[in-house]
Amino acid sequence: MIFPVLFTFVVIGIFHFTNFIALKFYPALINLLIFFIFFSSIFTKETIIQKFAKIMEGGKELPEIVKQYTRNLTYVWCVFLIFNFLVSFATIFMSSKVWTIYNGCVSYLLTGMVFGVEYIIRLIFKRRHNV
């Protein structure tokens, strides 16, 4: 538990006290990695979101309509993640201020917005389809 926190502070310290541009690649690479995880799951029987939904439902089999919803949601997250990667990557070559604003604030707000909108849509979907 202490290692991730310590590692984060070390990375922040290196970035703050040096001009180590390689650290600017970190948010872009994380977005790309998560995109590949979600994207590769599209080609499997169950997408990553279907697996999460199944766990949330106690491991029981999901109705077909829920499987389709979660598959479509995986597509939505893939589009968002590739967009976020591209913008994060572009900010690497911009000023540190732009990079910091996007990768330290805007990308988190956008991610939260996608989660929030999806949650509202999920509640409506569950009510409409009695699942």
N, C-alpha and C. Protein backbone atom coordinates (compact mmCIF):
# COMPACT_ATOMS: atom_id res chain seq x y z
N MET A 1 0.83 -1.19 0.00
CA MET A 1 0.00 0.00 0.00
C MET A 1 0.87 1.25 0.00
N ILE A 2 1.96 1.23 0.68
CA ILE A 2 2.80 2.42 0.77
C ILE A 2 3.62 2.62 -0.51
N PHE A 3 3.95 1.51 -1.20
CA PHE A 3 4.78 1.63 -2.40
C PHE A 3 4.16 2.52 -3.48
N PRO A 4 2.89 2.33 -3.86
CA PRO A 4 2.31 3.19 -4.91
C PRO A 4 2.33 4.67 -4.53
N VAL A 5 2.05 4.96 -3.28
CA VAL A 5 2.05 6.35 -2.82
C VAL A 5 3.46 6.92 -2.89
N LEU A 6 4.42 6.17 -2.40
CA LEU A 6 5.81 6.60 -2.43
C LEU A 6 6.29 6.79 -3.87
N PHE A 7 5.96 5.83 -4.74
CA PHE A 7 6.34 5.91 -6.15
C PHE A 7 5.75 7.16 -6.79
N THR A 8 4.50 7.47 -6.49
CA THR A 8 3.85 8.66 -7.04
C THR A 8 4.60 9.92 -6.63
N PHE A 9 4.97 10.03 -5.36
CA PHE A 9 5.70 11.20 -4.91
C PHE A 9 7.09 11.29 -5.54
N VAL A 10 7.74 10.16 -5.76
CA VAL A 10 9.04 10.16 -6.42
C VAL A 10 8.90 10.67 -7.85
N VAL A 11 7.89 10.18 -8.56
CA VAL A 11 7.66 10.62 -9.94
C VAL A 11 7.35 12.11 -9.98
N ILE A 12 6.50 12.58 -9.07
CA ILE A 12 6.17 14.01 -9.01
C ILE A 12 7.44 14.81 -8.72
N GLY A 13 8.26 14.35 -7.80
CA GLY A 13 9.51 15.04 -7.48
C GLY A 13 10.46 15.11 -8.66
N ILE A 14 10.63 13.99 -9.35
CA ILE A 14 11.50 13.98 -10.53
C ILE A 14 10.98 14.95 -11.58
N PHE A 15 9.68 14.92 -11.81
CA PHE A 15 9.10 15.80 -12.82
C PHE A 15 9.22 17.26 -12.42
N HIS A 16 9.02 17.55 -11.15
CA HIS A 16 9.05 18.93 -10.67
C HIS A 16 10.47 19.52 -10.68
N PHE A 17 11.44 18.73 -10.30
CA PHE A 17 12.79 19.26 -10.13
C PHE A 17 13.70 19.04 -11.34
N THR A 18 13.21 18.39 -12.38
CA THR A 18 14.01 18.19 -13.59
C THR A 18 13.17 18.50 -14.81
N ASN A 19 13.79 18.47 -15.94
CA ASN A 19 13.08 18.64 -17.20
C ASN A 19 13.03 17.29 -17.91
N PHE A 20 12.67 16.27 -17.18
CA PHE A 20 12.67 14.89 -17.66
C PHE A 20 11.40 14.65 -18.49
N ILE A 21 11.50 14.87 -19.80
CA ILE A 21 10.33 14.83 -20.70
C ILE A 21 9.70 13.44 -20.76
N ALA A 22 10.47 12.40 -20.50
CA ALA A 22 9.92 11.04 -20.58
C ALA A 22 8.74 10.85 -19.63
N LEU A 23 8.72 11.57 -18.50
CA LEU A 23 7.61 11.45 -17.56
C LEU A 23 6.31 11.99 -18.15
N LYS A 24 6.43 12.89 -19.13
CA LYS A 24 5.22 13.42 -19.76
C LYS A 24 4.49 12.34 -20.56
N PHE A 25 5.18 11.28 -20.92
CA PHE A 25 4.56 10.20 -21.69
C PHE A 25 3.67 9.30 -20.83
N TYR A 26 3.84 9.35 -19.51
CA TYR A 26 3.14 8.45 -18.61
C TYR A 26 1.61 8.45 -18.79
N PRO A 27 0.93 9.61 -18.74
CA PRO A 27 -0.54 9.57 -18.91
C PRO A 27 -0.97 9.01 -20.26
N ALA A 28 -0.23 9.37 -21.31
CA ALA A 28 -0.57 8.87 -22.64
C ALA A 28 -0.41 7.35 -22.69
N LEU A 29 0.67 6.84 -22.14
CA LEU A 29 0.90 5.40 -22.16
C LEU A 29 -0.13 4.64 -21.33
N ILE A 30 -0.52 5.19 -20.20
CA ILE A 30 -1.55 4.54 -19.38
C ILE A 30 -2.88 4.49 -20.15
N ASN A 31 -3.25 5.60 -20.80
CA ASN A 31 -4.47 5.60 -21.60
C ASN A 31 -4.40 4.57 -22.72
N LEU A 32 -3.24 4.48 -23.36
CA LEU A 32 -3.07 3.51 -24.45
C LEU A 32 -3.16 2.09 -23.92
N LEU A 33 -2.55 1.82 -22.78
CA LEU A 33 -2.60 0.49 -22.18
C LEU A 33 -4.04 0.10 -21.84
N ILE A 34 -4.77 1.00 -21.21
CA ILE A 34 -6.16 0.69 -20.85
C ILE A 34 -7.01 0.52 -22.11
N PHE A 35 -6.74 1.36 -23.13
CA PHE A 35 -7.44 1.19 -24.41
C PHE A 35 -7.20 -0.21 -24.96
N PHE A 36 -5.96 -0.67 -24.98
CA PHE A 36 -5.66 -2.00 -25.52
C PHE A 36 -6.35 -3.10 -24.73
N ILE A 37 -6.45 -2.95 -23.42
CA ILE A 37 -7.15 -3.94 -22.60
C ILE A 37 -8.62 -4.00 -22.99
N PHE A 38 -9.25 -2.83 -23.09
CA PHE A 38 -10.67 -2.78 -23.47
C PHE A 38 -10.85 -3.26 -24.91
N PHE A 39 -10.02 -2.77 -25.82
CA PHE A 39 -10.16 -3.10 -27.24
C PHE A 39 -9.95 -4.59 -27.48
N SER A 40 -8.94 -5.17 -26.86
CA SER A 40 -8.69 -6.60 -27.08
C SER A 40 -9.82 -7.45 -26.53
N SER A 41 -10.53 -6.95 -25.51
CA SER A 41 -11.63 -7.74 -24.95
C SER A 41 -12.83 -7.80 -25.90
N ILE A 42 -12.88 -6.89 -26.87
CA ILE A 42 -13.98 -6.92 -27.85
C ILE A 42 -13.95 -8.22 -28.65
N PHE A 43 -12.76 -8.78 -28.82
CA PHE A 43 -12.61 -9.97 -29.65
C PHE A 43 -12.71 -11.27 -28.85
N THR A 44 -13.14 -11.16 -27.61
CA THR A 44 -13.32 -12.34 -26.78
C THR A 44 -14.81 -12.59 -26.56
N LYS A 45 -15.12 -13.71 -25.94
CA LYS A 45 -16.53 -14.04 -25.68
C LYS A 45 -17.17 -13.00 -24.76
N GLU A 46 -16.44 -12.62 -23.71
CA GLU A 46 -16.94 -11.61 -22.76
C GLU A 46 -15.98 -10.42 -22.76
N THR A 47 -16.54 -9.23 -22.93
CA THR A 47 -15.70 -8.04 -22.84
C THR A 47 -15.33 -7.80 -21.38
N ILE A 48 -14.38 -6.93 -21.17
CA ILE A 48 -13.94 -6.63 -19.80
C ILE A 48 -15.09 -6.06 -18.98
N ILE A 49 -15.93 -5.25 -19.61
CA ILE A 49 -17.07 -4.66 -18.88
C ILE A 49 -18.10 -5.73 -18.56
N GLN A 50 -18.28 -6.71 -19.45
CA GLN A 50 -19.17 -7.83 -19.15
C GLN A 50 -18.66 -8.61 -17.94
N LYS A 51 -17.35 -8.78 -17.86
CA LYS A 51 -16.78 -9.49 -16.71
C LYS A 51 -17.02 -8.71 -15.42
N PHE A 52 -16.85 -7.38 -15.48
CA PHE A 52 -17.13 -6.55 -14.30
C PHE A 52 -18.61 -6.66 -13.91
N ALA A 53 -19.50 -6.59 -14.90
CA ALA A 53 -20.94 -6.67 -14.64
C ALA A 53 -21.30 -8.02 -14.02
N LYS A 54 -20.68 -9.06 -14.52
CA LYS A 54 -20.94 -10.40 -14.00
C LYS A 54 -20.51 -10.50 -12.53
N ILE A 55 -19.37 -9.91 -12.22
CA ILE A 55 -18.89 -9.90 -10.83
C ILE A 55 -19.87 -9.12 -9.96
N MET A 56 -20.35 -7.99 -10.45
CA MET A 56 -21.29 -7.16 -9.69
C MET A 56 -22.61 -7.89 -9.45
N GLU A 57 -22.94 -8.81 -10.33
CA GLU A 57 -24.18 -9.58 -10.20
C GLU A 57 -23.96 -10.90 -9.46
N GLY A 58 -22.83 -11.03 -8.82
CA GLY A 58 -22.57 -12.22 -8.02
C GLY A 58 -22.15 -13.43 -8.84
N GLY A 59 -21.67 -13.22 -10.04
CA GLY A 59 -21.17 -14.31 -10.88
C GLY A 59 -22.22 -15.00 -11.71
N LYS A 60 -23.48 -14.58 -11.59
CA LYS A 60 -24.52 -15.25 -12.38
C LYS A 60 -24.47 -14.77 -13.83
N GLU A 61 -25.03 -15.59 -14.71
CA GLU A 61 -25.04 -15.29 -16.14
C GLU A 61 -25.89 -14.05 -16.41
N LEU A 62 -25.40 -13.19 -17.31
CA LEU A 62 -26.11 -11.96 -17.65
C LEU A 62 -27.12 -12.20 -18.75
N PRO A 63 -28.26 -11.50 -18.69
CA PRO A 63 -29.22 -11.60 -19.80
C PRO A 63 -28.58 -11.09 -21.10
N GLU A 64 -29.08 -11.57 -22.20
CA GLU A 64 -28.52 -11.21 -23.51
C GLU A 64 -28.54 -9.70 -23.75
N ILE A 65 -29.59 -9.03 -23.33
CA ILE A 65 -29.69 -7.58 -23.54
C ILE A 65 -28.61 -6.84 -22.75
N VAL A 66 -28.26 -7.35 -21.58
CA VAL A 66 -27.20 -6.75 -20.76
C VAL A 66 -25.85 -7.01 -21.42
N LYS A 67 -25.67 -8.20 -21.97
CA LYS A 67 -24.43 -8.50 -22.68
C LYS A 67 -24.23 -7.52 -23.84
N GLN A 68 -25.29 -7.26 -24.58
CA GLN A 68 -25.18 -6.33 -25.72
C GLN A 68 -24.90 -4.91 -25.22
N TYR A 69 -25.56 -4.52 -24.14
CA TYR A 69 -25.32 -3.18 -23.57
C TYR A 69 -23.86 -3.03 -23.15
N THR A 70 -23.33 -4.04 -22.45
CA THR A 70 -21.95 -3.94 -21.97
C THR A 70 -20.95 -4.00 -23.13
N ARG A 71 -21.27 -4.73 -24.17
CA ARG A 71 -20.40 -4.76 -25.36
C ARG A 71 -20.39 -3.38 -26.01
N ASN A 72 -21.57 -2.76 -26.15
CA ASN A 72 -21.63 -1.41 -26.72
C ASN A 72 -20.91 -0.40 -25.83
N LEU A 73 -21.03 -0.59 -24.53
CA LEU A 73 -20.34 0.29 -23.59
C LEU A 73 -18.82 0.15 -23.73
N THR A 74 -18.36 -1.04 -24.02
CA THR A 74 -16.93 -1.25 -24.26
C THR A 74 -16.48 -0.45 -25.47
N TYR A 75 -17.30 -0.41 -26.52
CA TYR A 75 -16.97 0.42 -27.70
C TYR A 75 -16.87 1.90 -27.31
N VAL A 76 -17.81 2.35 -26.50
CA VAL A 76 -17.81 3.75 -26.06
C VAL A 76 -16.52 4.07 -25.31
N TRP A 77 -16.14 3.19 -24.38
CA TRP A 77 -14.92 3.42 -23.61
C TRP A 77 -13.69 3.39 -24.51
N CYS A 78 -13.69 2.52 -25.51
CA CYS A 78 -12.56 2.47 -26.45
C CYS A 78 -12.42 3.80 -27.19
N VAL A 79 -13.52 4.35 -27.65
CA VAL A 79 -13.48 5.64 -28.35
C VAL A 79 -12.97 6.73 -27.41
N PHE A 80 -13.49 6.76 -26.18
CA PHE A 80 -13.05 7.76 -25.23
C PHE A 80 -11.56 7.60 -24.91
N LEU A 81 -11.13 6.38 -24.68
CA LEU A 81 -9.73 6.15 -24.30
C LEU A 81 -8.76 6.50 -25.42
N ILE A 82 -9.12 6.22 -26.66
CA ILE A 82 -8.22 6.57 -27.76
C ILE A 82 -8.20 8.09 -27.94
N PHE A 83 -9.33 8.75 -27.74
CA PHE A 83 -9.37 10.22 -27.78
C PHE A 83 -8.48 10.78 -26.67
N ASN A 84 -8.64 10.27 -25.48
CA ASN A 84 -7.86 10.75 -24.34
C ASN A 84 -6.37 10.50 -24.57
N PHE A 85 -6.03 9.35 -25.15
CA PHE A 85 -4.63 9.07 -25.48
C PHE A 85 -4.10 10.10 -26.47
N LEU A 86 -4.85 10.36 -27.53
CA LEU A 86 -4.38 11.29 -28.56
C LEU A 86 -4.16 12.70 -28.01
N VAL A 87 -5.09 13.15 -27.19
CA VAL A 87 -4.93 14.48 -26.60
C VAL A 87 -3.76 14.49 -25.61
N SER A 88 -3.66 13.46 -24.78
CA SER A 88 -2.54 13.37 -23.84
C SER A 88 -1.21 13.34 -24.58
N PHE A 89 -1.17 12.60 -25.66
CA PHE A 89 0.05 12.52 -26.46
C PHE A 89 0.38 13.88 -27.07
N ALA A 90 -0.61 14.57 -27.58
CA ALA A 90 -0.38 15.89 -28.18
C ALA A 90 0.15 16.89 -27.15
N THR A 91 -0.33 16.79 -25.91
CA THR A 91 0.10 17.76 -24.89
C THR A 91 1.56 17.56 -24.48
N ILE A 92 2.13 16.41 -24.79
CA ILE A 92 3.54 16.17 -24.48
C ILE A 92 4.42 17.23 -25.16
N PHE A 93 4.01 17.64 -26.34
CA PHE A 93 4.81 18.55 -27.14
C PHE A 93 4.38 20.00 -26.97
N MET A 94 3.48 20.23 -26.04
CA MET A 94 3.04 21.59 -25.72
C MET A 94 3.73 22.03 -24.44
N SER A 95 3.38 23.20 -23.98
CA SER A 95 4.00 23.72 -22.75
C SER A 95 3.64 22.84 -21.56
N SER A 96 4.48 22.90 -20.54
CA SER A 96 4.22 22.12 -19.32
C SER A 96 2.90 22.53 -18.68
N LYS A 97 2.55 23.79 -18.83
CA LYS A 97 1.30 24.27 -18.26
C LYS A 97 0.10 23.59 -18.92
N VAL A 98 0.10 23.52 -20.26
CA VAL A 98 -0.99 22.86 -20.98
C VAL A 98 -1.03 21.39 -20.63
N TRP A 99 0.16 20.76 -20.60
CA TRP A 99 0.23 19.34 -20.26
C TRP A 99 -0.36 19.10 -18.88
N THR A 100 0.01 19.92 -17.92
CA THR A 100 -0.45 19.77 -16.54
C THR A 100 -1.95 19.98 -16.42
N ILE A 101 -2.46 21.01 -17.09
CA ILE A 101 -3.90 21.29 -17.02
C ILE A 101 -4.71 20.13 -17.60
N TYR A 102 -4.28 19.63 -18.76
CA TYR A 102 -5.06 18.55 -19.37
C TYR A 102 -4.90 17.25 -18.57
N ASN A 103 -3.66 16.82 -18.38
CA ASN A 103 -3.41 15.52 -17.76
C ASN A 103 -3.64 15.50 -16.26
N GLY A 104 -3.62 16.64 -15.62
CA GLY A 104 -3.83 16.69 -14.18
C GLY A 104 -5.22 17.09 -13.77
N CYS A 105 -6.03 17.55 -14.75
CA CYS A 105 -7.36 18.02 -14.38
C CYS A 105 -8.41 17.62 -15.43
N VAL A 106 -8.25 18.13 -16.64
CA VAL A 106 -9.29 17.97 -17.67
C VAL A 106 -9.56 16.50 -17.98
N SER A 107 -8.51 15.70 -18.13
CA SER A 107 -8.73 14.29 -18.46
C SER A 107 -9.50 13.56 -17.35
N TYR A 108 -9.24 13.94 -16.08
CA TYR A 108 -9.97 13.33 -14.97
C TYR A 108 -11.43 13.78 -14.97
N LEU A 109 -11.66 15.06 -15.28
CA LEU A 109 -13.04 15.55 -15.36
C LEU A 109 -13.80 14.85 -16.48
N LEU A 110 -13.14 14.68 -17.63
CA LEU A 110 -13.79 13.99 -18.75
C LEU A 110 -14.10 12.54 -18.40
N THR A 111 -13.15 11.87 -17.76
CA THR A 111 -13.37 10.48 -17.36
C THR A 111 -14.54 10.39 -16.38
N GLY A 112 -14.57 11.30 -15.43
CA GLY A 112 -15.68 11.33 -14.47
C GLY A 112 -17.00 11.60 -15.15
N MET A 113 -16.98 12.47 -16.16
CA MET A 113 -18.20 12.76 -16.91
C MET A 113 -18.70 11.52 -17.65
N VAL A 114 -17.78 10.79 -18.28
CA VAL A 114 -18.17 9.56 -18.99
C VAL A 114 -18.76 8.57 -17.99
N PHE A 115 -18.11 8.39 -16.85
CA PHE A 115 -18.65 7.50 -15.81
C PHE A 115 -20.04 7.95 -15.36
N GLY A 116 -20.18 9.25 -15.11
CA GLY A 116 -21.45 9.79 -14.63
C GLY A 116 -22.58 9.62 -15.63
N VAL A 117 -22.32 9.97 -16.88
CA VAL A 117 -23.34 9.83 -17.92
C VAL A 117 -23.70 8.36 -18.10
N GLU A 118 -22.69 7.49 -18.12
CA GLU A 118 -22.97 6.07 -18.27
C GLU A 118 -23.79 5.54 -17.10
N TYR A 119 -23.53 6.00 -15.91
CA TYR A 119 -24.28 5.55 -14.74
C TYR A 119 -25.75 5.93 -14.86
N ILE A 120 -26.02 7.15 -15.29
CA ILE A 120 -27.40 7.60 -15.48
C ILE A 120 -28.08 6.77 -16.56
N ILE A 121 -27.38 6.54 -17.68
CA ILE A 121 -27.93 5.74 -18.77
C ILE A 121 -28.19 4.31 -18.29
N ARG A 122 -27.27 3.78 -17.47
CA ARG A 122 -27.44 2.42 -16.94
C ARG A 122 -28.68 2.32 -16.07
N LEU A 123 -28.92 3.32 -15.22
CA LEU A 123 -30.12 3.30 -14.38
C LEU A 123 -31.39 3.32 -15.23
N ILE A 124 -31.39 4.16 -16.26
CA ILE A 124 -32.54 4.22 -17.17
C ILE A 124 -32.70 2.89 -17.89
N PHE A 125 -31.61 2.32 -18.36
CA PHE A 125 -31.62 1.04 -19.05
C PHE A 125 -32.19 -0.07 -18.15
N LYS A 126 -31.74 -0.11 -16.90
CA LYS A 126 -32.20 -1.14 -15.97
C LYS A 126 -33.70 -1.01 -15.70
N ARG A 127 -34.16 0.23 -15.53
CA ARG A 127 -35.60 0.46 -15.30
C ARG A 127 -36.44 0.06 -16.52
N ARG A 128 -35.95 0.46 -17.67
CA ARG A 128 -36.69 0.22 -18.91
C ARG A 128 -36.78 -1.28 -19.24
N HIS A 129 -35.73 -2.03 -18.92
CA HIS A 129 -35.68 -3.44 -19.29
C HIS A 129 -35.85 -4.39 -18.09
N ASN A 130 -36.15 -3.82 -16.93
CA ASN A 130 -36.37 -4.63 -15.72
C ASN A 130 -35.24 -5.62 -15.46
N VAL A 131 -34.03 -5.12 -15.49
CA VAL A 131 -32.86 -5.99 -15.19
C VAL A 131 -32.11 -5.47 -13.98
